[in-house]
Amino acid sequence: MAPTFSRRRVLALGAATGLAPLLGACGDGGPSSPNSSAGPVKLPTYKPATAATPALAAEPAGVSPGYFTYPAASSAAAQPVRGEAVTALTYTYDPIAPALGSNPYWQNLNSTLGTELKITYVASTDYKSKVATTIAGGDLPDIVAIQGVVQQMPAMLKATFTDLTEYLSGDAVLAYPNLAALPTDAWRGTVYDQRIWGIPVPRARIGTVLYTRADLLAKAGLSLQPDSWAEFKEMAVALTDERAGRWAFGQIPFNTILEMNGITGNWPGGAGVWQAAGGVFTHSGTTPQFTQALADTVELVKSGVVHPDHAGAPNTKRNGWMLAGTTSFTIGGYAGWGKFYGQAKDVPGFRLTGMLSPTRDGAGTRVRTPGPTLSSFTAVAKTDNADRIKQILRVLDWLCSPFGSSEYLALRYGVEGQTFTRDGADPALTEGGRSQVFLPVRYLAEASPVIYEPGNRQAVQDQHDHQVAGVPLAVADPTLGRYSETAASKAASEQQELDSVLLEIQLGNKPVSAWQPAIKKFMDRVGDKIKAEYEEQAGG
């Protein structure tokens, strides 16, 4: 465990993290100026991994490499790490894995790593509360996954965790080659006050996907890629037959329609909605293009092409409609692509592709909302022990071992003959192995994403094609690497109110004209302050 904190230290920390109500006292430290240190931090030098040559290259920049089979001969990508046990706190989206004593996968992981990894984890929905109570208790584990943004984020990091800049900035990261192979953009999300505070858990740049039942569109004689708003509507109508119980969409494709109008962002929630030019930030909701997208959405919903039970339907239900052919499209995160194939084994001819948003009039340049560069980052509990910091970084480096290495095989599959077998060169988890690998080491650290669908060459090709076409269209989020205290501490309730108005307009319960007073209210209450905070940093 990392050193414990005194009660006074914990109370001060509570104020810095926005946890004062939980702790029952206030700290005396003033807020840190977000990302305001003189001069930009030098991000870690990027040096790609070379453990395995892909069948489909990681080109253009930002595209994930594709593999049709697992490399037959796995090579070591990192030396075992000797030393004191490392304790960790993280989250999971999966069921709980068997405990260490009855989990050969975990036992092999520790043995191969050379250091005992003691992991505590909870469901993602409970994680922020768990982190808050752990900090309040004053006895942090050695490494902690930092998910999302909390109030006074820079101050919280400075008070609680180790500044890793001297170990990771620039060429210093080359001492940890697997960390050096993490993409540059992912590191931006670990920077606060121009210091590096952790190791990013990287994600594919492609982001949210308009998943398309390509086999159903082919059967209907429709193009997989419409070129305009008019063609998009015609396609949706052609795929809808209410009497037969078929609709084009499982949910309102608002973000797709935004992109057709030249706007990026993810709604509801308002992520990625800021545009910037010449240091001036603009909330996309204040633009004429946003209002046009709203009007287009209302028109599409009125045409009856969206499943009538879409409102409030969980992802599992919408995915079920997609698999059954009740709908031809659903919207979801890119990470779910492979899961569809696992669930569609008994669906004849099933083929999944991703559709890019056309431009509204069929001319001009398409845009795409990029995915988050990281899902979280892992911070090291505050310590001045340089040797201990280096050992922990070697552990995290080992956990980032790349696809094709023997370590990656141990991390994803475990022990051959016990938790996985081989189908040719491809590893396949055994029934027992499937539950054991739920241990969420990948939410502490992992290598850059690759495209790999064992036994499904077409799925690999389709995903790679989608990335090759879509990644160059992604419009960079100008807020990446910047921090707004107003956004972190005051915007949530205002955003919920804005989302509510947005949905009511989309459903036809309010006119499109209701948007202007709603977005003005948002800007007056928090938006203008957020804008000013971002512009101050951009100008500095």
Protein backbone atom coordinates (compact mmCIF):
# COMPACT_ATOMS: atom_id res chain seq x y z
CA MET A 1 0.00 0.00 0.00
CA ALA A 2 1.00 3.62 -0.50
CA PRO A 3 1.61 5.71 2.64
CA THR A 4 -1.53 6.55 4.60
CA PHE A 5 -2.83 10.11 4.97
CA SER A 6 -3.48 12.00 8.17
CA ARG A 7 -7.03 13.13 8.93
CA ARG A 8 -6.02 16.75 8.28
CA ARG A 9 -4.54 15.81 4.91
CA VAL A 10 -7.65 13.86 3.97
CA LEU A 11 -9.96 16.76 4.87
CA ALA A 12 -7.93 19.16 2.76
CA LEU A 13 -7.99 16.66 -0.07
CA GLY A 14 -11.74 16.34 0.25
CA ALA A 15 -12.19 20.01 -0.50
CA ALA A 16 -9.86 19.78 -3.46
CA THR A 17 -11.77 16.87 -4.98
CA GLY A 18 -15.27 18.07 -4.27
CA LEU A 19 -15.67 15.43 -1.56
CA ALA A 20 -16.07 17.83 1.35
CA PRO A 21 -19.70 16.85 2.07
CA LEU A 22 -18.62 13.24 2.35
CA LEU A 23 -15.79 14.13 4.72
CA GLY A 24 -17.66 16.70 6.78
CA ALA A 25 -15.00 19.39 6.59
CA CYS A 26 -13.30 21.82 4.22
CA GLY A 27 -9.68 22.13 3.21
CA ASP A 28 -7.75 25.39 3.11
CA GLY A 29 -6.08 25.05 -0.28
CA GLY A 30 -7.14 27.34 -3.11
CA PRO A 31 -8.09 25.97 -6.52
CA SER A 32 -5.37 25.18 -9.00
CA SER A 33 -5.38 27.15 -12.23
CA PRO A 34 -6.24 24.54 -14.87
CA ASN A 35 -3.41 23.71 -17.26
CA SER A 36 -1.78 27.04 -16.57
CA SER A 37 1.86 26.20 -15.90
CA ALA A 38 4.33 28.10 -18.05
CA GLY A 39 4.98 26.35 -21.34
CA PRO A 40 3.35 23.20 -22.71
CA VAL A 41 4.49 19.84 -21.39
CA LYS A 42 6.46 17.69 -23.82
CA LEU A 43 4.32 14.62 -24.41
CA PRO A 44 5.94 11.16 -24.40
CA THR A 45 7.88 10.28 -27.54
CA TYR A 46 5.91 7.88 -29.72
CA LYS A 47 7.63 4.70 -30.88
CA PRO A 48 5.27 2.03 -32.28
CA ALA A 49 5.42 -1.59 -31.16
CA THR A 50 6.91 -4.19 -33.49
CA ALA A 51 5.79 -7.46 -31.92
CA ALA A 52 3.77 -8.57 -34.97
CA THR A 53 3.43 -7.38 -38.57
CA PRO A 54 -0.24 -6.69 -39.37
CA ALA A 55 -2.07 -7.94 -42.44
CA LEU A 56 -3.71 -4.51 -42.72
CA ALA A 57 -1.47 -1.55 -41.97
CA ALA A 58 -2.12 1.14 -39.37
CA GLU A 59 -2.48 3.75 -42.10
CA PRO A 60 -3.46 6.53 -42.40
CA ALA A 61 -2.48 7.85 -38.97
CA GLY A 62 -4.92 6.86 -36.24
CA VAL A 63 -6.16 3.69 -37.95
CA SER A 64 -5.80 0.45 -35.96
CA PRO A 65 -3.77 -2.38 -37.55
CA GLY A 66 -5.70 -5.46 -38.66
CA TYR A 67 -4.81 -9.13 -38.14
CA PHE A 68 -6.55 -12.09 -39.77
CA THR A 69 -4.86 -14.64 -37.47
CA TYR A 70 -2.90 -14.56 -34.23
CA PRO A 71 0.89 -14.68 -34.79
CA ALA A 72 1.97 -18.29 -34.45
CA ALA A 73 5.25 -17.53 -32.70
CA SER A 74 4.77 -15.11 -29.81
CA SER A 75 7.79 -13.14 -28.66
CA ALA A 76 8.47 -11.48 -25.33
CA ALA A 77 7.89 -7.71 -25.28
CA ALA A 78 8.93 -6.96 -21.70
CA GLN A 79 11.11 -8.40 -18.98
CA PRO A 80 9.46 -9.78 -15.83
CA VAL A 81 9.21 -7.20 -13.05
CA ARG A 82 10.69 -8.21 -9.72
CA GLY A 83 9.83 -6.48 -6.50
CA GLU A 84 7.21 -5.66 -3.92
CA ALA A 85 3.55 -6.43 -4.65
CA VAL A 86 1.55 -3.71 -6.42
CA THR A 87 -1.96 -2.89 -5.22
CA ALA A 88 -4.54 -1.48 -7.61
CA LEU A 89 -8.06 -0.05 -7.72
CA THR A 90 -10.07 -0.11 -10.94
CA TYR A 91 -13.52 -0.71 -12.43
CA THR A 92 -15.24 -3.26 -14.64
CA TYR A 93 -18.16 -3.62 -17.04
CA ASP A 94 -18.13 -7.42 -16.70
CA PRO A 95 -19.15 -9.95 -14.05
CA ILE A 96 -16.81 -10.55 -11.11
CA ALA A 97 -13.92 -12.92 -11.85
CA PRO A 98 -13.05 -15.83 -9.54
CA ALA A 99 -10.76 -14.89 -6.65
CA LEU A 100 -7.00 -15.37 -6.92
CA GLY A 101 -7.01 -18.73 -5.12
CA SER A 102 -9.39 -20.26 -7.68
CA ASN A 103 -8.30 -18.33 -10.74
CA PRO A 104 -5.45 -19.94 -12.74
CA TYR A 105 -5.51 -17.01 -15.16
CA TRP A 106 -4.72 -14.53 -12.36
CA GLN A 107 -2.14 -16.86 -10.82
CA ASN A 108 -0.36 -17.19 -14.17
CA LEU A 109 -0.52 -13.43 -14.66
CA ASN A 110 1.32 -12.81 -11.39
CA SER A 111 3.82 -15.57 -12.10
CA THR A 112 4.59 -14.30 -15.61
CA LEU A 113 4.70 -10.67 -14.49
CA GLY A 114 7.07 -11.53 -11.67
CA THR A 115 5.26 -9.26 -9.21
CA GLU A 116 2.07 -9.94 -7.28
CA LEU A 117 -0.73 -7.75 -8.62
CA LYS A 118 -3.45 -7.25 -6.01
CA ILE A 119 -6.55 -5.80 -7.67
CA THR A 120 -9.65 -4.37 -6.03
CA TYR A 121 -12.45 -3.46 -8.41
CA VAL A 122 -16.13 -2.57 -8.57
CA ALA A 123 -18.75 -2.07 -11.27
CA SER A 124 -18.19 1.02 -13.39
CA THR A 125 -21.49 2.50 -12.18
CA ASP A 126 -20.20 2.45 -8.59
CA TYR A 127 -16.62 3.44 -9.30
CA LYS A 128 -16.64 7.18 -8.66
CA SER A 129 -18.22 6.56 -5.26
CA LYS A 130 -15.59 3.90 -4.53
CA VAL A 131 -12.74 6.25 -5.41
CA ALA A 132 -14.25 8.99 -3.24
CA THR A 133 -14.53 6.76 -0.18
CA THR A 134 -11.05 5.32 -0.76
CA ILE A 135 -9.53 8.80 -0.87
CA ALA A 136 -11.54 9.78 2.20
CA GLY A 137 -10.25 6.71 4.02
CA GLY A 138 -6.71 7.90 3.39
CA ASP A 139 -5.16 4.55 2.47
CA LEU A 140 -4.73 4.52 -1.30
CA PRO A 141 -3.49 1.52 -3.27
CA ASP A 142 -0.37 1.99 -5.38
CA ILE A 143 -2.25 2.63 -8.61
CA VAL A 144 -5.75 3.97 -9.19
CA ALA A 145 -7.77 4.19 -12.41
CA ILE A 146 -9.03 7.75 -12.90
CA GLN A 147 -12.33 7.68 -14.77
CA GLY A 148 -13.89 10.92 -15.95
CA VAL A 149 -13.34 14.38 -14.51
CA VAL A 150 -14.06 15.53 -10.96
CA GLN A 151 -14.25 18.97 -9.41
CA GLN A 152 -10.88 20.62 -8.84
CA MET A 153 -9.23 17.86 -10.87
CA PRO A 154 -5.76 19.48 -11.05
CA ALA A 155 -5.69 20.11 -7.29
CA MET A 156 -6.91 16.59 -6.53
CA LEU A 157 -4.17 15.04 -8.67
CA LYS A 158 -1.46 17.23 -7.16
CA ALA A 159 -2.53 16.41 -3.60
CA THR A 160 -3.03 12.68 -4.08
CA PHE A 161 -0.90 11.30 -6.91
CA THR A 162 2.65 11.33 -8.23
CA ASP A 163 3.72 13.75 -10.95
CA LEU A 164 5.14 11.39 -13.59
CA THR A 165 6.42 14.05 -15.98
CA GLU A 166 10.13 13.46 -15.36
CA TYR A 167 9.68 9.72 -15.96
CA LEU A 168 7.52 9.92 -19.09
CA SER A 169 7.94 13.25 -20.87
CA GLY A 170 9.75 13.23 -24.20
CA ASP A 171 12.40 10.52 -24.62
CA ALA A 172 12.22 9.54 -20.94
CA VAL A 173 9.32 7.23 -21.82
CA LEU A 174 11.61 5.14 -24.05
CA ALA A 175 12.77 3.38 -20.87
CA TYR A 176 9.29 1.82 -21.00
CA PRO A 177 8.91 0.76 -24.67
CA ASN A 178 5.32 -0.46 -24.40
CA LEU A 179 4.26 2.86 -22.87
CA ALA A 180 6.09 4.64 -25.69
CA ALA A 181 3.89 2.71 -28.13
CA LEU A 182 0.72 4.32 -26.77
CA PRO A 183 -0.69 6.96 -29.15
CA THR A 184 0.21 10.59 -28.55
CA ASP A 185 -3.39 11.81 -28.45
CA ALA A 186 -4.18 9.40 -25.60
CA TRP A 187 -1.50 11.03 -23.45
CA ARG A 188 -3.17 14.44 -23.80
CA GLY A 189 -5.96 13.25 -21.53
CA THR A 190 -3.48 12.62 -18.70
CA VAL A 191 -2.17 16.20 -18.64
CA TYR A 192 -3.35 18.73 -16.06
CA ASP A 193 -1.46 21.89 -15.12
CA GLN A 194 1.05 20.91 -17.82
CA ARG A 195 2.12 17.79 -15.90
CA ILE A 196 1.63 14.12 -16.77
CA TRP A 197 -0.40 12.35 -14.08
CA GLY A 198 -0.86 8.81 -15.36
CA ILE A 199 -0.86 6.13 -18.03
CA PRO A 200 -3.71 6.33 -20.56
CA VAL A 201 -5.90 3.36 -21.41
CA PRO A 202 -6.16 4.07 -25.16
CA ARG A 203 -9.20 3.62 -27.37
CA ALA A 204 -9.71 3.48 -31.14
CA ARG A 205 -10.08 6.90 -32.77
CA ILE A 206 -13.16 5.91 -34.77
CA GLY A 207 -15.64 6.49 -31.95
CA THR A 208 -19.38 5.87 -32.20
CA VAL A 209 -20.56 3.82 -35.18
CA LEU A 210 -23.82 3.79 -37.14
CA TYR A 211 -23.85 -0.02 -37.27
CA THR A 212 -25.38 -1.30 -40.49
CA ARG A 213 -26.85 -4.71 -41.35
CA ALA A 214 -25.04 -4.81 -44.68
CA ASP A 215 -26.72 -8.10 -45.60
CA LEU A 216 -30.19 -6.56 -45.23
CA LEU A 217 -29.27 -3.51 -47.29
CA ALA A 218 -27.80 -5.74 -50.00
CA LYS A 219 -31.01 -7.81 -50.05
CA ALA A 220 -33.00 -4.59 -50.53
CA GLY A 221 -30.68 -3.45 -53.31
CA LEU A 222 -29.52 -0.39 -51.36
CA SER A 223 -26.12 1.29 -51.24
CA LEU A 224 -24.08 0.91 -48.06
CA GLN A 225 -23.12 4.56 -48.31
CA PRO A 226 -25.72 7.21 -49.26
CA ASP A 227 -24.28 10.47 -50.58
CA SER A 228 -26.80 13.03 -49.31
CA TRP A 229 -29.56 13.71 -46.80
CA ALA A 230 -32.15 12.98 -49.50
CA GLU A 231 -30.60 9.56 -50.25
CA PHE A 232 -30.34 8.82 -46.53
CA LYS A 233 -34.09 9.48 -46.06
CA GLU A 234 -35.00 7.40 -49.13
CA MET A 235 -32.93 4.50 -47.81
CA ALA A 236 -34.61 4.70 -44.39
CA VAL A 237 -38.09 4.67 -45.92
CA ALA A 238 -37.19 1.71 -48.15
CA LEU A 239 -36.07 -0.32 -45.12
CA THR A 240 -39.23 0.40 -43.13
CA ASP A 241 -42.39 -1.73 -43.28
CA GLU A 242 -44.51 -1.19 -40.18
CA ARG A 243 -46.96 -3.97 -41.07
CA ALA A 244 -44.08 -6.43 -41.30
CA GLY A 245 -42.58 -5.13 -38.05
CA ARG A 246 -39.48 -3.59 -39.63
CA TRP A 247 -37.97 -0.15 -39.15
CA ALA A 248 -34.74 1.41 -40.32
CA PHE A 249 -33.48 2.65 -36.93
CA GLY A 250 -33.51 1.41 -33.36
CA GLN A 251 -32.97 4.94 -32.03
CA ILE A 252 -33.05 8.48 -33.36
CA PRO A 253 -29.82 8.99 -35.37
CA PHE A 254 -29.38 12.59 -34.24
CA ASN A 255 -25.58 12.58 -34.10
CA THR A 256 -25.48 11.19 -37.64
CA ILE A 257 -27.72 14.03 -38.81
CA LEU A 258 -25.54 16.55 -36.98
CA GLU A 259 -22.54 15.28 -38.95
CA MET A 260 -24.54 15.62 -42.19
CA ASN A 261 -24.87 19.29 -41.29
CA GLY A 262 -21.14 19.63 -40.64
CA ILE A 263 -21.26 19.43 -36.84
CA THR A 264 -19.52 16.96 -34.54
CA GLY A 265 -20.50 15.96 -31.01
CA ASN A 266 -22.27 13.29 -29.01
CA TRP A 267 -25.80 13.88 -27.68
CA PRO A 268 -27.34 13.45 -25.18
CA GLY A 269 -24.58 14.58 -22.87
CA GLY A 270 -23.07 17.24 -25.05
CA ALA A 271 -19.60 15.67 -25.33
CA GLY A 272 -17.30 17.04 -28.01
CA VAL A 273 -19.59 19.97 -28.85
CA TRP A 274 -17.02 22.76 -28.79
CA GLN A 275 -15.56 24.13 -32.01
CA ALA A 276 -12.52 26.39 -32.11
CA ALA A 277 -10.99 28.71 -34.68
CA GLY A 278 -8.28 31.26 -34.01
CA GLY A 279 -8.53 30.69 -30.26
CA VAL A 280 -12.27 31.45 -30.22
CA PHE A 281 -14.52 28.65 -28.92
CA THR A 282 -18.10 28.14 -30.11
CA HIS A 283 -20.69 25.75 -28.69
CA SER A 284 -22.13 23.91 -31.70
CA GLY A 285 -25.61 24.15 -30.20
CA THR A 286 -25.56 27.90 -30.88
CA THR A 287 -25.01 27.50 -34.64
CA PRO A 288 -27.59 27.58 -37.47
CA GLN A 289 -26.39 24.15 -38.57
CA PHE A 290 -27.50 22.66 -35.25
CA THR A 291 -30.99 24.10 -35.66
CA GLN A 292 -31.14 22.68 -39.20
CA ALA A 293 -30.09 19.26 -37.89
CA LEU A 294 -32.90 19.42 -35.33
CA ALA A 295 -35.44 20.21 -38.05
CA ASP A 296 -34.11 17.34 -40.18
CA THR A 297 -34.39 14.98 -37.21
CA VAL A 298 -38.01 15.93 -36.54
CA GLU A 299 -38.78 15.30 -40.21
CA LEU A 300 -37.14 11.86 -40.10
CA VAL A 301 -38.96 10.80 -36.92
CA LYS A 302 -42.31 11.92 -38.33
CA SER A 303 -41.73 9.71 -41.38
CA GLY A 304 -42.03 6.64 -39.12
CA VAL A 305 -38.63 5.07 -39.81
CA VAL A 306 -37.61 4.81 -36.12
CA HIS A 307 -38.81 1.85 -34.02
CA PRO A 308 -41.89 3.02 -32.07
CA ASP A 309 -40.49 1.66 -28.78
CA HIS A 310 -37.12 3.38 -29.13
CA ALA A 311 -37.60 5.89 -26.31
CA GLY A 312 -36.04 4.47 -23.16
CA ALA A 313 -35.09 1.17 -24.78
CA PRO A 314 -31.81 -0.19 -23.34
CA ASN A 315 -28.90 -1.06 -25.61
CA THR A 316 -29.54 -4.78 -25.13
CA LYS A 317 -33.04 -4.42 -26.60
CA ARG A 318 -31.88 -2.25 -29.50
CA ASN A 319 -29.09 -4.69 -30.26
CA GLY A 320 -31.64 -7.50 -30.19
CA TRP A 321 -33.77 -5.69 -32.78
CA MET A 322 -30.69 -5.34 -34.95
CA LEU A 323 -29.76 -9.02 -34.69
CA ALA A 324 -33.33 -10.10 -35.44
CA GLY A 325 -33.56 -7.86 -38.50
CA THR A 326 -36.33 -5.80 -36.90
CA THR A 327 -34.09 -2.78 -37.52
CA SER A 328 -31.26 -2.31 -40.00
CA PHE A 329 -29.26 0.25 -38.02
CA THR A 330 -28.22 0.84 -34.45
CA ILE A 331 -25.78 3.28 -32.90
CA GLY A 332 -23.09 2.13 -30.51
CA GLY A 333 -19.48 2.38 -29.44
CA TYR A 334 -16.82 0.97 -31.72
CA ALA A 335 -15.67 -1.50 -29.06
CA GLY A 336 -18.94 -3.40 -29.50
CA TRP A 337 -18.31 -4.38 -33.14
CA GLY A 338 -16.89 -7.81 -32.38
CA LYS A 339 -19.59 -8.56 -29.79
CA PHE A 340 -22.26 -8.43 -32.50
CA TYR A 341 -20.57 -11.28 -34.35
CA GLY A 342 -20.43 -13.34 -31.19
CA GLN A 343 -24.18 -12.87 -30.73
CA ALA A 344 -25.03 -13.41 -34.41
CA LYS A 345 -23.51 -16.86 -34.92
CA ASP A 346 -26.91 -18.33 -35.78
CA VAL A 347 -28.03 -15.47 -38.07
CA PRO A 348 -27.62 -16.63 -41.70
CA GLY A 349 -25.54 -14.28 -43.85
CA PHE A 350 -25.03 -11.75 -41.04
CA ARG A 351 -22.64 -8.97 -42.05
CA LEU A 352 -22.00 -5.78 -40.12
CA THR A 353 -20.52 -2.58 -41.53
CA GLY A 354 -20.36 1.04 -40.41
CA MET A 355 -21.97 3.88 -42.33
CA LEU A 356 -20.39 7.32 -42.58
CA SER A 357 -22.59 10.39 -42.46
CA PRO A 358 -23.01 11.97 -45.91
CA THR A 359 -23.03 15.72 -46.36
CA ARG A 360 -26.49 17.24 -46.39
CA ASP A 361 -26.44 18.35 -50.03
CA GLY A 362 -24.04 15.72 -51.34
CA ALA A 363 -21.23 18.24 -51.75
CA GLY A 364 -18.40 19.45 -49.56
CA THR A 365 -16.36 17.53 -47.01
CA ARG A 366 -17.76 14.95 -44.64
CA VAL A 367 -17.00 15.21 -40.93
CA ARG A 368 -16.87 12.63 -38.18
CA THR A 369 -16.95 12.87 -34.41
CA PRO A 370 -13.79 11.20 -33.07
CA GLY A 371 -13.93 8.70 -30.27
CA PRO A 372 -12.42 9.41 -26.86
CA THR A 373 -8.67 8.96 -27.01
CA LEU A 374 -8.72 7.10 -23.70
CA SER A 375 -11.28 5.43 -21.47
CA SER A 376 -9.42 6.35 -18.26
CA PHE A 377 -5.88 6.79 -17.02
CA THR A 378 -4.02 5.11 -14.20
CA ALA A 379 -2.31 7.29 -11.61
CA VAL A 380 0.38 6.36 -9.09
CA ALA A 381 -0.33 7.18 -5.43
CA LYS A 382 1.82 10.02 -4.13
CA THR A 383 5.34 8.89 -3.26
CA ASP A 384 8.88 10.31 -3.41
CA ASN A 385 10.46 6.86 -3.76
CA ALA A 386 11.96 6.93 -7.26
CA ASP A 387 12.79 3.21 -7.26
CA ARG A 388 9.21 2.34 -6.34
CA ILE A 389 7.84 4.64 -9.05
CA LYS A 390 10.06 2.98 -11.65
CA GLN A 391 8.96 -0.50 -10.54
CA ILE A 392 5.30 0.48 -10.82
CA LEU A 393 5.92 1.97 -14.27
CA ARG A 394 7.58 -1.29 -15.33
CA VAL A 395 4.46 -3.15 -14.17
CA LEU A 396 2.25 -0.82 -16.20
CA ASP A 397 4.63 -1.18 -19.15
CA TRP A 398 4.25 -4.97 -18.91
CA LEU A 399 0.45 -4.65 -18.84
CA CYS A 400 0.72 -2.67 -22.11
CA SER A 401 2.51 -5.49 -23.93
CA PRO A 402 1.42 -5.41 -27.58
CA PHE A 403 -0.64 -7.81 -29.66
CA GLY A 404 1.48 -10.74 -30.80
CA SER A 405 3.65 -10.90 -27.69
CA SER A 406 3.67 -13.74 -25.18
CA GLU A 407 2.64 -11.26 -22.47
CA TYR A 408 -0.42 -10.18 -24.47
CA LEU A 409 -1.39 -13.84 -24.75
CA ALA A 410 -1.13 -14.20 -20.97
CA LEU A 411 -3.09 -10.98 -20.42
CA ARG A 412 -5.96 -11.78 -22.78
CA TYR A 413 -6.11 -15.57 -22.71
CA GLY A 414 -4.10 -16.99 -19.82
CA VAL A 415 -2.67 -20.51 -19.82
CA GLU A 416 -2.75 -22.64 -22.96
CA GLY A 417 -4.50 -25.94 -22.34
CA GLN A 418 -6.12 -24.61 -19.19
CA THR A 419 -7.86 -21.30 -19.89
CA PHE A 420 -7.52 -21.36 -23.68
CA THR A 421 -6.92 -23.73 -26.56
CA ARG A 422 -5.86 -23.14 -30.17
CA ASP A 423 -7.91 -23.23 -33.34
CA GLY A 424 -4.99 -23.24 -35.71
CA ALA A 425 -2.96 -20.23 -34.62
CA ASP A 426 -5.93 -18.49 -33.02
CA PRO A 427 -6.43 -18.76 -29.24
CA ALA A 428 -9.93 -19.59 -28.01
CA LEU A 429 -10.98 -19.30 -24.36
CA THR A 430 -12.27 -22.39 -22.62
CA GLU A 431 -15.56 -22.28 -20.73
CA GLY A 432 -13.70 -21.78 -17.45
CA GLY A 433 -11.29 -19.31 -19.01
CA ARG A 434 -14.09 -17.00 -20.12
CA SER A 435 -15.01 -16.20 -16.51
CA GLN A 436 -11.42 -16.00 -15.26
CA VAL A 437 -10.35 -13.32 -17.76
CA PHE A 438 -13.04 -10.98 -16.42
CA LEU A 439 -10.27 -9.78 -14.09
CA PRO A 440 -10.13 -6.14 -15.26
CA VAL A 441 -6.40 -5.63 -15.80
CA ARG A 442 -7.22 -3.96 -19.12
CA TYR A 443 -8.81 -1.06 -17.22
CA LEU A 444 -5.48 -0.39 -15.53
CA ALA A 445 -3.32 -0.43 -18.65
CA GLU A 446 -3.35 -2.02 -22.08
CA ALA A 447 -1.77 -1.77 -25.50
CA SER A 448 -3.11 0.29 -28.37
CA PRO A 449 -6.20 -1.29 -29.98
CA VAL A 450 -5.92 -3.71 -32.88
CA ILE A 451 -8.54 -5.23 -35.18
CA TYR A 452 -8.70 -8.99 -34.64
CA GLU A 453 -11.75 -11.24 -35.05
CA PRO A 454 -10.64 -14.90 -34.93
CA GLY A 455 -11.96 -16.87 -37.90
CA ASN A 456 -13.79 -13.88 -39.41
CA ARG A 457 -11.64 -12.31 -42.11
CA GLN A 458 -14.56 -10.27 -43.48
CA ALA A 459 -15.19 -8.64 -40.09
CA VAL A 460 -11.54 -7.56 -39.83
CA GLN A 461 -11.61 -6.15 -43.35
CA ASP A 462 -14.90 -4.30 -42.80
CA GLN A 463 -13.68 -2.70 -39.58
CA HIS A 464 -10.39 -1.66 -41.15
CA ASP A 465 -12.16 -0.25 -44.22
CA HIS A 466 -14.44 1.77 -41.95
CA GLN A 467 -11.49 3.20 -40.03
CA VAL A 468 -9.54 4.00 -43.20
CA ALA A 469 -12.53 5.92 -44.55
CA GLY A 470 -13.63 7.51 -41.27
CA VAL A 471 -10.56 8.41 -39.23
CA PRO A 472 -9.25 11.07 -41.66
CA LEU A 473 -12.66 12.80 -41.43
CA ALA A 474 -12.49 13.11 -37.64
CA VAL A 475 -12.52 16.69 -36.37
CA ALA A 476 -10.20 17.04 -33.39
CA ASP A 477 -11.82 18.03 -30.11
CA PRO A 478 -10.25 21.41 -29.19
CA THR A 479 -10.92 20.81 -25.48
CA LEU A 480 -8.65 17.75 -25.36
CA GLY A 481 -5.88 18.43 -22.86
CA ARG A 482 -7.77 21.41 -21.42
CA TYR A 483 -9.79 21.61 -18.21
CA SER A 484 -12.83 23.70 -17.32
CA GLU A 485 -13.71 23.86 -13.64
CA THR A 486 -17.17 25.17 -14.54
CA ALA A 487 -17.80 22.17 -16.80
CA ALA A 488 -16.61 19.79 -14.08
CA SER A 489 -18.50 21.35 -11.17
CA LYS A 490 -21.56 23.19 -12.44
CA ALA A 491 -22.62 21.99 -15.89
CA ALA A 492 -24.18 18.58 -15.21
CA SER A 493 -27.66 19.72 -14.17
CA GLU A 494 -27.76 22.38 -16.87
CA GLN A 495 -26.77 19.78 -19.47
CA GLN A 496 -29.53 17.45 -18.31
CA GLU A 497 -32.07 20.24 -18.73
CA LEU A 498 -30.74 20.95 -22.22
CA ASP A 499 -30.87 17.25 -23.14
CA SER A 500 -34.48 17.10 -21.97
CA VAL A 501 -35.50 19.94 -24.28
CA LEU A 502 -33.58 18.33 -27.13
CA LEU A 503 -35.45 15.03 -26.73
CA GLU A 504 -38.83 16.73 -26.50
CA ILE A 505 -38.13 18.51 -29.79
CA GLN A 506 -36.98 15.29 -31.47
CA LEU A 507 -40.16 13.51 -30.36
CA GLY A 508 -42.32 16.33 -31.69
CA ASN A 509 -43.55 17.41 -28.26
CA LYS A 510 -41.95 20.84 -28.58
CA PRO A 511 -41.27 22.96 -31.68
CA VAL A 512 -37.76 23.39 -33.06
CA SER A 513 -38.01 27.04 -32.00
CA ALA A 514 -37.85 25.88 -28.35
CA TRP A 515 -34.16 25.19 -28.82
CA GLN A 516 -33.00 28.81 -29.00
CA PRO A 517 -34.20 29.86 -25.51
CA ALA A 518 -32.89 26.56 -24.10
CA ILE A 519 -29.37 26.95 -25.47
CA LYS A 520 -29.33 30.65 -24.49
CA LYS A 521 -30.22 29.68 -20.92
CA PHE A 522 -27.43 27.08 -20.90
CA MET A 523 -24.88 29.57 -22.21
CA ASP A 524 -25.97 32.28 -19.77
CA ARG A 525 -25.72 29.94 -16.78
CA VAL A 526 -22.56 27.95 -17.56
CA GLY A 527 -21.69 27.89 -21.25
CA ASP A 528 -20.17 31.36 -21.53
CA LYS A 529 -17.99 30.68 -18.48
CA ILE A 530 -16.82 27.34 -19.93
CA LYS A 531 -16.07 29.10 -23.21
CA ALA A 532 -14.00 31.75 -21.42
CA GLU A 533 -12.01 29.14 -19.47
CA TYR A 534 -11.12 27.24 -22.64
CA GLU A 535 -10.23 30.43 -24.49
CA GLU A 536 -7.98 31.58 -21.65
CA GLN A 537 -6.01 28.35 -21.90
CA ALA A 538 -5.87 28.46 -25.70
CA GLY A 539 -4.51 31.99 -25.52
CA GLY A 540 -1.96 31.10 -22.86
